Structures are given as structure tokens and as C-alpha cells.
Amino acid sequence: PFVIADDGQSLAVTVSIGVATGAAGDVALNDLLESADQALYAAKNGGRNRVEIAEDGKPAVDPLPEAAQA
């Protein structure tokens, strides 16, 4: 994690990013945002400090742990 220190206290910061792409006019904005959101959760569940890229509208890994799907 990236650490920010100020006034003797520190704050650890992590970054998880979900990326989705599509050609203008070929993909609805809501679908693109949903794919990016799913990729974001896949990045978080994959260990944080990661970038996951959605392929064909789906993230590379399942965005929810098995326990959360039940």
C-alpha cells in the first residue's frame, strides 16, 4: 500500500481499478459501466492494488467470492 504520513499519523492507501472498453455506438454506456464495475470488484477481490480489464463485457475473474454468491 501507498502510505501517506501527516502530523505523525499514517494512512495506508490501496488502489483497485476496473477497466472496460467498447467502440462508440456499439456498446450502451450502462453496459460499459456495469462491465467496468464488475472488473473493479474482481480487482478488489483479487488482492487489491490491481487493475482488471473486462473482456467482451465480462471481467477476467468472478467479481464475487463463492460465499457471497449463495
PDB file of N, CA and C in Angstrom:
ATOM      1  N   PRO A   1       0.821  -1.201   0.000  1.00  0.00           N
ATOM      2  CA  PRO A   1       0.000   0.000   0.000  1.00  0.00           C
ATOM      3  C   PRO A   1       0.862   1.261   0.000  1.00  0.00           C
ATOM      4  N   PHE A   2       0.307   2.301  -0.529  1.00  0.00           N
ATOM      5  CA  PHE A   2       0.924   3.614  -0.525  1.00  0.00           C
ATOM      6  C   PHE A   2       0.626   4.240   0.831  1.00  0.00           C
ATOM      7  N   VAL A   3       1.625   4.792   1.478  1.00  0.00           N
ATOM      8  CA  VAL A   3       1.430   5.352   2.819  1.00  0.00           C
ATOM      9  C   VAL A   3       1.566   6.865   2.774  1.00  0.00           C
ATOM     10  N   ILE A   4       0.592   7.532   3.327  1.00  0.00           N
ATOM     11  CA  ILE A   4       0.606   8.986   3.450  1.00  0.00           C
ATOM     12  C   ILE A   4       0.805   9.304   4.924  1.00  0.00           C
ATOM     13  N   ALA A   5       1.814  10.110   5.249  1.00  0.00           N
ATOM     14  CA  ALA A   5       2.089  10.469   6.639  1.00  0.00           C
ATOM     15  C   ALA A   5       1.885  11.968   6.824  1.00  0.00           C
ATOM     16  N   ASP A   6       1.197  12.317   7.902  1.00  0.00           N
ATOM     17  CA  ASP A   6       0.964  13.719   8.223  1.00  0.00           C
ATOM     18  C   ASP A   6       0.758  13.836   9.727  1.00  0.00           C
ATOM     19  N   ASP A   7       1.422  14.783  10.351  1.00  0.00           N
ATOM     20  CA  ASP A   7       1.285  15.026  11.786  1.00  0.00           C
ATOM     21  C   ASP A   7       1.514  13.771  12.628  1.00  0.00           C
ATOM     22  N   GLY A   8       2.457  12.937  12.221  1.00  0.00           N
ATOM     23  CA  GLY A   8       2.803  11.760  12.994  1.00  0.00           C
ATOM     24  C   GLY A   8       1.879  10.574  12.806  1.00  0.00           C
ATOM     25  N   GLN A   9       0.840  10.715  12.009  1.00  0.00           N
ATOM     26  CA  GLN A   9      -0.066   9.600  11.733  1.00  0.00           C
ATOM     27  C   GLN A   9       0.080   9.198  10.277  1.00  0.00           C
ATOM     28  N   SER A  10      -0.143   7.931  10.005  1.00  0.00           N
ATOM     29  CA  SER A  10      -0.040   7.472   8.625  1.00  0.00           C
ATOM     30  C   SER A  10      -1.348   6.827   8.181  1.00  0.00           C
ATOM     31  N   LEU A  11      -1.557   6.857   6.903  1.00  0.00           N
ATOM     32  CA  LEU A  11      -2.748   6.293   6.296  1.00  0.00           C
ATOM     33  C   LEU A  11      -2.308   5.438   5.117  1.00  0.00           C
ATOM     34  N   ALA A  12      -2.627   4.148   5.138  1.00  0.00           N
ATOM     35  CA  ALA A  12      -2.288   3.258   4.029  1.00  0.00           C
ATOM     36  C   ALA A  12      -3.394   3.338   2.983  1.00  0.00           C
ATOM     37  N   VAL A  13      -3.004   3.498   1.735  1.00  0.00           N
ATOM     38  CA  VAL A  13      -3.950   3.654   0.638  1.00  0.00           C
ATOM     39  C   VAL A  13      -3.697   2.566  -0.402  1.00  0.00           C
ATOM     40  N   THR A  14      -4.765   1.909  -0.862  1.00  0.00           N
ATOM     41  CA  THR A  14      -4.656   0.955  -1.956  1.00  0.00           C
ATOM     42  C   THR A  14      -5.524   1.447  -3.111  1.00  0.00           C
ATOM     43  N   VAL A  15      -5.233   0.971  -4.316  1.00  0.00           N
ATOM     44  CA  VAL A  15      -5.985   1.369  -5.497  1.00  0.00           C
ATOM     45  C   VAL A  15      -6.376   0.121  -6.276  1.00  0.00           C
ATOM     46  N   SER A  16      -7.657   0.002  -6.543  1.00  0.00           N
ATOM     47  CA  SER A  16      -8.168  -1.069  -7.392  1.00  0.00           C
ATOM     48  C   SER A  16      -8.901  -0.404  -8.545  1.00  0.00           C
ATOM     49  N   ILE A  17      -8.661  -0.881  -9.766  1.00  0.00           N
ATOM     50  CA  ILE A  17      -9.233  -0.243 -10.950  1.00  0.00           C
ATOM     51  C   ILE A  17      -9.888  -1.298 -11.829  1.00  0.00           C
ATOM     52  N   GLY A  18     -11.075  -1.001 -12.306  1.00  0.00           N
ATOM     53  CA  GLY A  18     -11.763  -1.837 -13.284  1.00  0.00           C
ATOM     54  C   GLY A  18     -11.851  -1.089 -14.594  1.00  0.00           C
ATOM     55  N   VAL A  19     -11.481  -1.744 -15.685  1.00  0.00           N
ATOM     56  CA  VAL A  19     -11.453  -1.110 -16.997  1.00  0.00           C
ATOM     57  C   VAL A  19     -12.337  -1.890 -17.963  1.00  0.00           C
ATOM     58  N   ALA A  20     -13.140  -1.168 -18.724  1.00  0.00           N
ATOM     59  CA  ALA A  20     -13.936  -1.767 -19.789  1.00  0.00           C
ATOM     60  C   ALA A  20     -13.848  -0.851 -21.002  1.00  0.00           C
ATOM     61  N   THR A  21     -13.802  -1.439 -22.172  1.00  0.00           N
ATOM     62  CA  THR A  21     -13.718  -0.638 -23.393  1.00  0.00           C
ATOM     63  C   THR A  21     -14.799  -1.073 -24.372  1.00  0.00           C
ATOM     64  N   GLY A  22     -15.111  -0.199 -25.279  1.00  0.00           N
ATOM     65  CA  GLY A  22     -16.078  -0.504 -26.325  1.00  0.00           C
ATOM     66  C   GLY A  22     -16.054   0.588 -27.373  1.00  0.00           C
ATOM     67  N   ALA A  23     -16.385   0.224 -28.571  1.00  0.00           N
ATOM     68  CA  ALA A  23     -16.423   1.198 -29.667  1.00  0.00           C
ATOM     69  C   ALA A  23     -17.652   2.086 -29.507  1.00  0.00           C
ATOM     70  N   ALA A  24     -17.471   3.367 -29.766  1.00  0.00           N
ATOM     71  CA  ALA A  24     -18.578   4.314 -29.661  1.00  0.00           C
ATOM     72  C   ALA A  24     -19.730   3.859 -30.552  1.00  0.00           C
ATOM     73  N   GLY A  25     -20.911   3.807 -29.968  1.00  0.00           N
ATOM     74  CA  GLY A  25     -22.087   3.406 -30.719  1.00  0.00           C
ATOM     75  C   GLY A  25     -22.346   1.913 -30.719  1.00  0.00           C
ATOM     76  N   ASP A  26     -21.338   1.103 -30.393  1.00  0.00           N
ATOM     77  CA  ASP A  26     -21.505  -0.348 -30.375  1.00  0.00           C
ATOM     78  C   ASP A  26     -21.893  -0.879 -29.000  1.00  0.00           C
ATOM     79  N   VAL A  27     -21.627  -0.110 -27.961  1.00  0.00           N
ATOM     80  CA  VAL A  27     -21.876  -0.557 -26.594  1.00  0.00           C
ATOM     81  C   VAL A  27     -22.668   0.524 -25.862  1.00  0.00           C
ATOM     82  N   ALA A  28     -23.727   0.113 -25.179  1.00  0.00           N
ATOM     83  CA  ALA A  28     -24.506   1.065 -24.387  1.00  0.00           C
ATOM     84  C   ALA A  28     -23.678   1.498 -23.181  1.00  0.00           C
ATOM     85  N   LEU A  29     -23.761   2.756 -22.821  1.00  0.00           N
ATOM     86  CA  LEU A  29     -22.991   3.292 -21.711  1.00  0.00           C
ATOM     87  C   LEU A  29     -23.253   2.516 -20.425  1.00  0.00           C
ATOM     88  N   ASN A  30     -24.503   2.190 -20.135  1.00  0.00           N
ATOM     89  CA  ASN A  30     -24.812   1.444 -18.904  1.00  0.00           C
ATOM     90  C   ASN A  30     -24.143   0.078 -18.902  1.00  0.00           C
ATOM     91  N   ASP A  31     -24.093  -0.594 -20.048  1.00  0.00           N
ATOM     92  CA  ASP A  31     -23.422  -1.901 -20.135  1.00  0.00           C
ATOM     93  C   ASP A  31     -21.926  -1.750 -19.902  1.00  0.00           C
ATOM     94  N   LEU A  32     -21.357  -0.698 -20.458  1.00  0.00           N
ATOM     95  CA  LEU A  32     -19.931  -0.440 -20.292  1.00  0.00           C
ATOM     96  C   LEU A  32     -19.605  -0.147 -18.826  1.00  0.00           C
ATOM     97  N   LEU A  33     -20.423   0.660 -18.176  1.00  0.00           N
ATOM     98  CA  LEU A  33     -20.215   0.966 -16.762  1.00  0.00           C
ATOM     99  C   LEU A  33     -20.372  -0.281 -15.899  1.00  0.00           C
ATOM    100  N   GLU A  34     -21.344  -1.130 -16.213  1.00  0.00           N
ATOM    101  CA  GLU A  34     -21.546  -2.369 -15.465  1.00  0.00           C
ATOM    102  C   GLU A  34     -20.331  -3.285 -15.604  1.00  0.00           C
ATOM    103  N   SER A  35     -19.779  -3.387 -16.812  1.00  0.00           N
ATOM    104  CA  SER A  35     -18.593  -4.219 -17.024  1.00  0.00           C
ATOM    105  C   SER A  35     -17.395  -3.677 -16.248  1.00  0.00           C
ATOM    106  N   ALA A  36     -17.226  -2.361 -16.259  1.00  0.00           N
ATOM    107  CA  ALA A  36     -16.124  -1.747 -15.515  1.00  0.00           C
ATOM    108  C   ALA A  36     -16.315  -1.954 -14.013  1.00  0.00           C
ATOM    109  N   ASP A  37     -17.549  -1.853 -13.540  1.00  0.00           N
ATOM    110  CA  ASP A  37     -17.846  -2.061 -12.123  1.00  0.00           C
ATOM    111  C   ASP A  37     -17.531  -3.501 -11.714  1.00  0.00           C
ATOM    112  N   GLN A  38     -17.933  -4.469 -12.531  1.00  0.00           N
ATOM    113  CA  GLN A  38     -17.633  -5.871 -12.233  1.00  0.00           C
ATOM    114  C   GLN A  38     -16.123  -6.110 -12.227  1.00  0.00           C
ATOM    115  N   ALA A  39     -15.418  -5.492 -13.163  1.00  0.00           N
ATOM    116  CA  ALA A  39     -13.962  -5.625 -13.201  1.00  0.00           C
ATOM    117  C   ALA A  39     -13.331  -4.992 -11.958  1.00  0.00           C
ATOM    118  N   LEU A  40     -13.893  -3.887 -11.482  1.00  0.00           N
ATOM    119  CA  LEU A  40     -13.399  -3.247 -10.267  1.00  0.00           C
ATOM    120  C   LEU A  40     -13.512  -4.194  -9.075  1.00  0.00           C
ATOM    121  N   TYR A  41     -14.668  -4.840  -8.910  1.00  0.00           N
ATOM    122  CA  TYR A  41     -14.833  -5.772  -7.795  1.00  0.00           C
ATOM    123  C   TYR A  41     -13.926  -6.987  -7.947  1.00  0.00           C
ATOM    124  N   ALA A  42     -13.677  -7.410  -9.177  1.00  0.00           N
ATOM    125  CA  ALA A  42     -12.731  -8.506  -9.405  1.00  0.00           C
ATOM    126  C   ALA A  42     -11.334  -8.085  -8.958  1.00  0.00           C
ATOM    127  N   ALA A  43     -10.958  -6.836  -9.218  1.00  0.00           N
ATOM    128  CA  ALA A  43      -9.648  -6.329  -8.794  1.00  0.00           C
ATOM    129  C   ALA A  43      -9.563  -6.293  -7.273  1.00  0.00           C
ATOM    130  N   LYS A  44     -10.604  -5.834  -6.620  1.00  0.00           N
ATOM    131  CA  LYS A  44     -10.610  -5.793  -5.155  1.00  0.00           C
ATOM    132  C   LYS A  44     -10.513  -7.194  -4.567  1.00  0.00           C
ATOM    133  N   ASN A  45     -11.288  -8.113  -5.109  1.00  0.00           N
ATOM    134  CA  ASN A  45     -11.287  -9.479  -4.595  1.00  0.00           C
ATOM    135  C   ASN A  45     -10.012 -10.229  -4.954  1.00  0.00           C
ATOM    136  N   GLY A  46      -9.292  -9.762  -5.949  1.00  0.00           N
ATOM    137  CA  GLY A  46      -8.060 -10.416  -6.378  1.00  0.00           C
ATOM    138  C   GLY A  46      -6.846  -9.992  -5.577  1.00  0.00           C
ATOM    139  N   GLY A  47      -7.021  -9.123  -4.611  1.00  0.00           N
ATOM    140  CA  GLY A  47      -5.906  -8.750  -3.760  1.00  0.00           C
ATOM    141  C   GLY A  47      -5.640  -7.259  -3.672  1.00  0.00           C
ATOM    142  N   ARG A  48      -6.466  -6.466  -4.276  1.00  0.00           N
ATOM    143  CA  ARG A  48      -6.317  -5.008  -4.270  1.00  0.00           C
ATOM    144  C   ARG A  48      -5.018  -4.572  -4.937  1.00  0.00           C
ATOM    145  N   ASN A  49      -4.857  -3.268  -5.103  1.00  0.00           N
ATOM    146  CA  ASN A  49      -3.698  -2.725  -5.823  1.00  0.00           C
ATOM    147  C   ASN A  49      -3.522  -3.423  -7.173  1.00  0.00           C
ATOM    148  N   ARG A  50      -4.642  -3.596  -7.873  1.00  0.00           N
ATOM    149  CA  ARG A  50      -4.643  -4.301  -9.154  1.00  0.00           C
ATOM    150  C   ARG A  50      -5.511  -3.558 -10.154  1.00  0.00           C
ATOM    151  N   VAL A  51      -5.299  -3.878 -11.407  1.00  0.00           N
ATOM    152  CA  VAL A  51      -6.165  -3.429 -12.487  1.00  0.00           C
ATOM    153  C   VAL A  51      -6.721  -4.680 -13.158  1.00  0.00           C
ATOM    154  N   GLU A  52      -8.035  -4.747 -13.290  1.00  0.00           N
ATOM    155  CA  GLU A  52      -8.684  -5.840 -14.020  1.00  0.00           C
ATOM    156  C   GLU A  52      -9.339  -5.246 -15.252  1.00  0.00           C
ATOM    157  N   ILE A  53      -9.190  -5.919 -16.370  1.00  0.00           N
ATOM    158  CA  ILE A  53      -9.753  -5.456 -17.635  1.00  0.00           C
ATOM    159  C   ILE A  53     -10.884  -6.390 -18.033  1.00  0.00           C
ATOM    160  N   ALA A  54     -12.064  -5.823 -18.255  1.00  0.00           N
ATOM    161  CA  ALA A  54     -13.204  -6.611 -18.704  1.00  0.00           C
ATOM    162  C   ALA A  54     -12.991  -6.977 -20.170  1.00  0.00           C
ATOM    163  N   GLU A  55     -13.227  -8.241 -20.489  1.00  0.00           N
ATOM    164  CA  GLU A  55     -13.114  -8.699 -21.872  1.00  0.00           C
ATOM    165  C   GLU A  55     -14.481  -9.139 -22.352  1.00  0.00           C
ATOM    166  N   ASP A  56     -14.899  -8.629 -23.490  1.00  0.00           N
ATOM    167  CA  ASP A  56     -16.218  -8.948 -24.039  1.00  0.00           C
ATOM    168  C   ASP A  56     -17.326  -8.687 -23.026  1.00  0.00           C
ATOM    169  N   GLY A  57     -17.172  -7.610 -22.267  1.00  0.00           N
ATOM    170  CA  GLY A  57     -18.196  -7.230 -21.318  1.00  0.00           C
ATOM    171  C   GLY A  57     -18.169  -7.969 -20.005  1.00  0.00           C
ATOM    172  N   LYS A  58     -17.191  -8.822 -19.794  1.00  0.00           N
ATOM    173  CA  LYS A  58     -17.107  -9.573 -18.540  1.00  0.00           C
ATOM    174  C   LYS A  58     -15.691  -9.457 -17.980  1.00  0.00           C
ATOM    175  N   PRO A  59     -15.567  -9.350 -16.635  1.00  0.00           N
ATOM    176  CA  PRO A  59     -14.227  -9.274 -16.052  1.00  0.00           C
ATOM    177  C   PRO A  59     -13.493 -10.601 -16.201  1.00  0.00           C
ATOM    178  N   ALA A  60     -12.179 -10.542 -16.072  1.00  0.00           N
ATOM    179  CA  ALA A  60     -11.345 -11.734 -16.241  1.00  0.00           C
ATOM    180  C   ALA A  60     -11.605 -12.772 -15.172  1.00  0.00           C
ATOM    181  N   VAL A  61     -12.015 -12.351 -13.973  1.00  0.00           N
ATOM    182  CA  VAL A  61     -12.314 -13.287 -12.884  1.00  0.00           C
ATOM    183  C   VAL A  61     -13.666 -12.956 -12.303  1.00  0.00           C
ATOM    184  N   ASP A  62     -14.265 -13.920 -11.599  1.00  0.00           N
ATOM    185  CA  ASP A  62     -15.563 -13.731 -10.982  1.00  0.00           C
ATOM    186  C   ASP A  62     -15.485 -12.625  -9.931  1.00  0.00           C
ATOM    187  N   PRO A  63     -16.361 -11.614 -10.000  1.00  0.00           N
ATOM    188  CA  PRO A  63     -16.260 -10.490  -9.074  1.00  0.00           C
ATOM    189  C   PRO A  63     -16.711 -10.781  -7.639  1.00  0.00           C
ATOM    190  N   LEU A  64     -17.415 -11.887  -7.412  1.00  0.00           N
ATOM    191  CA  LEU A  64     -17.881 -12.183  -6.065  1.00  0.00           C
ATOM    192  C   LEU A  64     -17.280 -13.461  -5.530  1.00  0.00           C
ATOM    193  N   PRO A  65     -16.834 -13.462  -4.269  1.00  0.00           N
ATOM    194  CA  PRO A  65     -16.370 -14.712  -3.671  1.00  0.00           C
ATOM    195  C   PRO A  65     -17.525 -15.710  -3.611  1.00  0.00           C
ATOM    196  N   GLU A  66     -17.223 -16.987  -3.568  1.00  0.00           N
ATOM    197  CA  GLU A  66     -18.264 -18.023  -3.564  1.00  0.00           C
ATOM    198  C   GLU A  66     -19.258 -17.823  -2.424  1.00  0.00           C
ATOM    199  N   ALA A  67     -18.797 -17.444  -1.242  1.00  0.00           N
ATOM    200  CA  ALA A  67     -19.676 -17.266  -0.088  1.00  0.00           C
ATOM    201  C   ALA A  67     -20.719 -16.184  -0.347  1.00  0.00           C
ATOM    202  N   ALA A  68     -20.373 -15.148  -1.096  1.00  0.00           N
ATOM    203  CA  ALA A  68     -21.284 -14.051  -1.353  1.00  0.00           C
ATOM    204  C   ALA A  68     -22.333 -14.420  -2.412  1.00  0.00           C
ATOM    205  N   GLN A  69     -22.070 -15.458  -3.198  1.00  0.00           N
ATOM    206  CA  GLN A  69     -22.995 -15.837  -4.258  1.00  0.00           C
ATOM    207  C   GLN A  69     -24.137 -16.702  -3.736  1.00  0.00           C
ATOM    208  N   ALA A  70     -23.973 -17.285  -2.563  1.00  0.00           N
ATOM    209  CA  ALA A  70     -25.006 -18.197  -2.014  1.00  0.00           C
ATOM    210  C   ALA A  70     -26.224 -17.458  -1.513  1.00  0.00           C
TER     211      ALA A  70
END
